[in-house]
Amino acid sequence: MEEKKHECDFALHLGLNIAKIVLKAAAVAAAFCIVKEVHKVHKAIEHHEHK
């Protein structure tokens, strides 16, 4: 019984670590997309001002 509990604790810990990594990756991807969109808007404003 103790061994089964230990396996469940390990699996839960591993799952939480994987979830943390996935959330960090999603945050990085979201930040990259935001920067890309801000850059597009900045370029569009520059282009509009030079006309």
N, C-alpha and C. Protein backbone atom coordinates (compact mmCIF):
# COMPACT_ATOMS: atom_id res chain seq x y z
N MET A 1 0.83 -1.20 0.00
CA MET A 1 0.00 0.00 0.00
C MET A 1 0.87 1.26 0.00
N GLU A 2 1.93 1.23 0.79
CA GLU A 2 2.84 2.39 0.87
C GLU A 2 3.51 2.65 -0.48
N GLU A 3 3.87 1.57 -1.18
CA GLU A 3 4.52 1.70 -2.48
C GLU A 3 3.58 2.34 -3.50
N LYS A 4 2.31 1.96 -3.46
CA LYS A 4 1.32 2.50 -4.38
C LYS A 4 1.12 4.00 -4.12
N LYS A 5 1.11 4.40 -2.85
CA LYS A 5 0.97 5.81 -2.49
C LYS A 5 2.19 6.59 -3.00
N HIS A 6 3.35 6.00 -2.85
CA HIS A 6 4.58 6.64 -3.31
C HIS A 6 4.53 6.84 -4.83
N GLU A 7 4.05 5.84 -5.57
CA GLU A 7 3.93 5.95 -7.02
C GLU A 7 2.95 7.05 -7.41
N CYS A 8 1.84 7.16 -6.68
CA CYS A 8 0.85 8.20 -6.97
C CYS A 8 1.42 9.58 -6.70
N ASP A 9 2.15 9.71 -5.59
CA ASP A 9 2.78 10.99 -5.27
C ASP A 9 3.79 11.39 -6.34
N PHE A 10 4.57 10.41 -6.79
CA PHE A 10 5.56 10.68 -7.83
C PHE A 10 4.87 11.11 -9.13
N ALA A 11 3.79 10.40 -9.49
CA ALA A 11 3.07 10.72 -10.73
C ALA A 11 2.44 12.12 -10.64
N LEU A 12 1.88 12.45 -9.48
CA LEU A 12 1.28 13.77 -9.29
C LEU A 12 2.35 14.86 -9.39
N HIS A 13 3.48 14.63 -8.75
CA HIS A 13 4.58 15.60 -8.78
C HIS A 13 5.09 15.79 -10.22
N LEU A 14 5.23 14.69 -10.93
CA LEU A 14 5.69 14.75 -12.31
C LEU A 14 4.68 15.50 -13.18
N GLY A 15 3.39 15.21 -12.98
CA GLY A 15 2.35 15.90 -13.74
C GLY A 15 2.34 17.39 -13.48
N LEU A 16 2.54 17.79 -12.22
CA LEU A 16 2.58 19.21 -11.88
C LEU A 16 3.81 19.89 -12.50
N ASN A 17 4.94 19.20 -12.51
CA ASN A 17 6.13 19.77 -13.14
C ASN A 17 5.93 19.96 -14.64
N ILE A 18 5.29 18.99 -15.28
CA ILE A 18 5.00 19.11 -16.71
C ILE A 18 4.05 20.27 -16.96
N ALA A 19 3.04 20.42 -16.11
CA ALA A 19 2.08 21.53 -16.25
C ALA A 19 2.79 22.87 -16.11
N LYS A 20 3.73 22.98 -15.18
CA LYS A 20 4.48 24.23 -15.00
C LYS A 20 5.28 24.56 -16.26
N ILE A 21 5.92 23.55 -16.83
CA ILE A 21 6.72 23.77 -18.04
C ILE A 21 5.82 24.21 -19.19
N VAL A 22 4.68 23.56 -19.33
CA VAL A 22 3.74 23.92 -20.40
C VAL A 22 3.24 25.35 -20.23
N LEU A 23 2.92 25.75 -18.99
CA LEU A 23 2.46 27.11 -18.74
C LEU A 23 3.55 28.14 -19.03
N LYS A 24 4.79 27.82 -18.69
CA LYS A 24 5.90 28.72 -19.00
C LYS A 24 6.07 28.86 -20.51
N ALA A 25 5.97 27.76 -21.22
CA ALA A 25 6.09 27.80 -22.69
C ALA A 25 4.96 28.62 -23.30
N ALA A 26 3.75 28.46 -22.76
CA ALA A 26 2.61 29.23 -23.27
C ALA A 26 2.80 30.72 -23.00
N ALA A 27 3.37 31.06 -21.84
CA ALA A 27 3.62 32.47 -21.51
C ALA A 27 4.65 33.06 -22.46
N VAL A 28 5.68 32.31 -22.77
CA VAL A 28 6.70 32.78 -23.71
C VAL A 28 6.10 32.97 -25.10
N ALA A 29 5.31 32.03 -25.53
CA ALA A 29 4.67 32.13 -26.85
C ALA A 29 3.74 33.33 -26.91
N ALA A 30 2.97 33.56 -25.85
CA ALA A 30 2.06 34.71 -25.81
C ALA A 30 2.85 36.02 -25.84
N ALA A 31 3.93 36.09 -25.09
CA ALA A 31 4.76 37.30 -25.09
C ALA A 31 5.34 37.55 -26.47
N PHE A 32 5.79 36.50 -27.14
CA PHE A 32 6.34 36.63 -28.48
C PHE A 32 5.28 37.18 -29.44
N CYS A 33 4.06 36.64 -29.35
CA CYS A 33 2.97 37.10 -30.23
C CYS A 33 2.62 38.56 -29.96
N ILE A 34 2.62 38.95 -28.69
CA ILE A 34 2.32 40.34 -28.34
C ILE A 34 3.37 41.27 -28.91
N VAL A 35 4.63 40.91 -28.75
CA VAL A 35 5.72 41.74 -29.29
C VAL A 35 5.61 41.84 -30.80
N LYS A 36 5.28 40.74 -31.45
CA LYS A 36 5.14 40.73 -32.91
C LYS A 36 4.01 41.67 -33.35
N GLU A 37 2.87 41.63 -32.64
CA GLU A 37 1.74 42.51 -32.97
C GLU A 37 2.07 43.98 -32.72
N VAL A 38 2.75 44.26 -31.62
CA VAL A 38 3.15 45.64 -31.32
C VAL A 38 4.08 46.15 -32.41
N HIS A 39 4.98 45.30 -32.87
CA HIS A 39 5.90 45.69 -33.93
C HIS A 39 5.13 46.00 -35.22
N LYS A 40 4.12 45.19 -35.54
CA LYS A 40 3.29 45.44 -36.73
C LYS A 40 2.59 46.78 -36.63
N VAL A 41 2.01 47.07 -35.47
CA VAL A 41 1.30 48.33 -35.28
C VAL A 41 2.28 49.50 -35.39
N HIS A 42 3.45 49.35 -34.79
CA HIS A 42 4.46 50.41 -34.85
C HIS A 42 4.86 50.69 -36.31
N LYS A 43 5.10 49.64 -37.07
CA LYS A 43 5.46 49.80 -38.48
C LYS A 43 4.32 50.46 -39.26
N ALA A 44 3.08 50.08 -38.98
CA ALA A 44 1.93 50.65 -39.68
C ALA A 44 1.81 52.14 -39.36
N ILE A 45 2.05 52.51 -38.11
CA ILE A 45 2.00 53.93 -37.73
C ILE A 45 3.10 54.70 -38.44
N GLU A 46 4.31 54.15 -38.46
CA GLU A 46 5.42 54.81 -39.16
C GLU A 46 5.09 54.98 -40.63
N HIS A 47 4.56 53.93 -41.25
CA HIS A 47 4.21 53.97 -42.67
C HIS A 47 3.14 55.04 -42.93
N HIS A 48 2.16 55.12 -42.03
CA HIS A 48 1.07 56.10 -42.18
C HIS A 48 1.60 57.53 -42.00
N GLU A 49 2.56 57.76 -41.12
CA GLU A 49 3.10 59.08 -40.86
C GLU A 49 3.96 59.58 -42.02
N HIS A 50 4.61 58.67 -42.73
CA HIS A 50 5.50 59.06 -43.82
C HIS A 50 4.76 59.36 -45.13
N LYS A 51 3.48 59.08 -45.19
CA LYS A 51 2.71 59.35 -46.42
C LYS A 51 2.42 60.81 -46.57
